[in-house]
Amino acid sequence: MRCLAAYSTEVLDRGSWLPGWNVPRNNITEDELSSLPSLDLAYIFQTEAALNGKSFWGRLTTYIGGGFVATLGNTLQVKQ
């Protein structure tokens, strides 16, 4: 891991990872992506369009509407 001086969309990590933030051996295809369990999707960068997101102006800069998303559920058993 490395620390960046400031958030910037130019240096934003848009890569796909394997669970545990491990580097994948090759690019993940759309078919593989659609077959992943929902928790594993947390390691796949999703675009603003895929998330039906929207960029927004924060305190210091504009933040994109995409990113890494984890669905946690609403029970302790699901979250573990």
Protein backbone atom coordinates (compact mmCIF):
# COMPACT_ATOMS: atom_id res chain seq x y z
CA MET A 1 0.00 0.00 0.00
CA ARG A 2 1.03 3.54 -0.58
CA CYS A 3 -0.28 6.83 0.70
CA LEU A 4 -1.21 9.51 -1.77
CA ALA A 5 -0.97 13.19 -0.98
CA ALA A 6 -4.48 13.98 -2.16
CA TYR A 7 -7.48 12.29 -3.72
CA SER A 8 -7.45 12.55 -7.48
CA THR A 9 -9.46 10.78 -10.16
CA GLU A 10 -6.24 10.46 -12.16
CA VAL A 11 -4.64 8.17 -9.55
CA LEU A 12 -7.82 6.44 -8.38
CA ASP A 13 -7.45 2.65 -8.30
CA ARG A 14 -9.82 1.21 -10.89
CA GLY A 15 -8.32 -2.26 -10.90
CA SER A 16 -10.03 -5.53 -10.17
CA TRP A 17 -8.74 -7.69 -7.35
CA LEU A 18 -9.24 -11.14 -5.91
CA PRO A 19 -10.64 -11.50 -2.37
CA GLY A 20 -8.17 -10.24 0.22
CA TRP A 21 -7.00 -7.53 -2.23
CA ASN A 22 -4.79 -10.05 -4.02
CA VAL A 23 -3.65 -9.31 -7.57
CA PRO A 24 -5.56 -11.37 -10.16
CA ARG A 25 -3.58 -13.58 -12.54
CA ASN A 26 -5.43 -12.16 -15.53
CA ASN A 27 -8.23 -9.75 -16.36
CA ILE A 28 -11.65 -10.73 -15.08
CA THR A 29 -14.20 -11.23 -17.85
CA GLU A 30 -17.83 -10.10 -17.73
CA ASP A 31 -18.94 -13.76 -17.45
CA GLU A 32 -16.65 -14.33 -14.46
CA LEU A 33 -17.80 -11.07 -12.90
CA SER A 34 -21.47 -12.02 -13.13
CA SER A 35 -20.80 -15.38 -11.46
CA LEU A 36 -18.97 -13.98 -8.40
CA PRO A 37 -20.68 -14.14 -4.99
CA SER A 38 -21.82 -10.68 -3.87
CA LEU A 39 -19.06 -10.40 -1.24
CA ASP A 40 -16.37 -11.03 -3.86
CA LEU A 41 -17.78 -8.14 -5.93
CA ALA A 42 -16.39 -5.85 -3.25
CA TYR A 43 -12.98 -6.35 -4.88
CA ILE A 44 -14.14 -5.34 -8.36
CA PHE A 45 -14.12 -1.66 -9.30
CA GLN A 46 -17.57 -0.72 -10.56
CA THR A 47 -18.13 2.29 -12.77
CA GLU A 48 -20.48 5.14 -12.07
CA ALA A 49 -22.79 3.83 -14.83
CA ALA A 50 -22.80 0.26 -13.44
CA LEU A 51 -23.77 1.53 -10.00
CA ASN A 52 -26.22 4.08 -11.34
CA GLY A 53 -24.08 6.56 -9.44
CA LYS A 54 -23.37 10.22 -9.89
CA SER A 55 -20.26 12.33 -9.36
CA PHE A 56 -20.53 14.92 -6.62
CA TRP A 57 -18.58 17.88 -5.31
CA GLY A 58 -17.18 17.25 -1.85
CA ARG A 59 -15.38 19.60 0.47
CA LEU A 60 -12.16 19.60 -1.55
CA THR A 61 -12.81 18.06 -4.94
CA THR A 62 -15.22 16.13 -7.13
CA TYR A 63 -15.69 12.46 -6.26
CA ILE A 64 -16.76 9.92 -8.86
CA GLY A 65 -19.93 7.88 -8.47
CA GLY A 66 -18.14 4.56 -8.92
CA GLY A 67 -15.87 2.50 -6.73
CA PHE A 68 -15.64 -0.65 -4.65
CA VAL A 69 -18.94 -1.70 -3.06
CA ALA A 70 -19.65 -4.37 -0.44
CA THR A 71 -23.19 -5.51 0.37
CA LEU A 72 -23.08 -6.40 4.05
CA GLY A 73 -26.65 -7.40 4.79
CA ASN A 74 -28.47 -6.67 8.02
CA THR A 75 -27.65 -9.54 10.36
CA LEU A 76 -24.51 -10.37 12.30
CA GLN A 77 -24.24 -13.78 10.58
CA VAL A 78 -24.26 -12.21 7.11
CA LYS A 79 -21.58 -9.66 8.08
CA GLN A 80 -19.21 -12.33 9.36
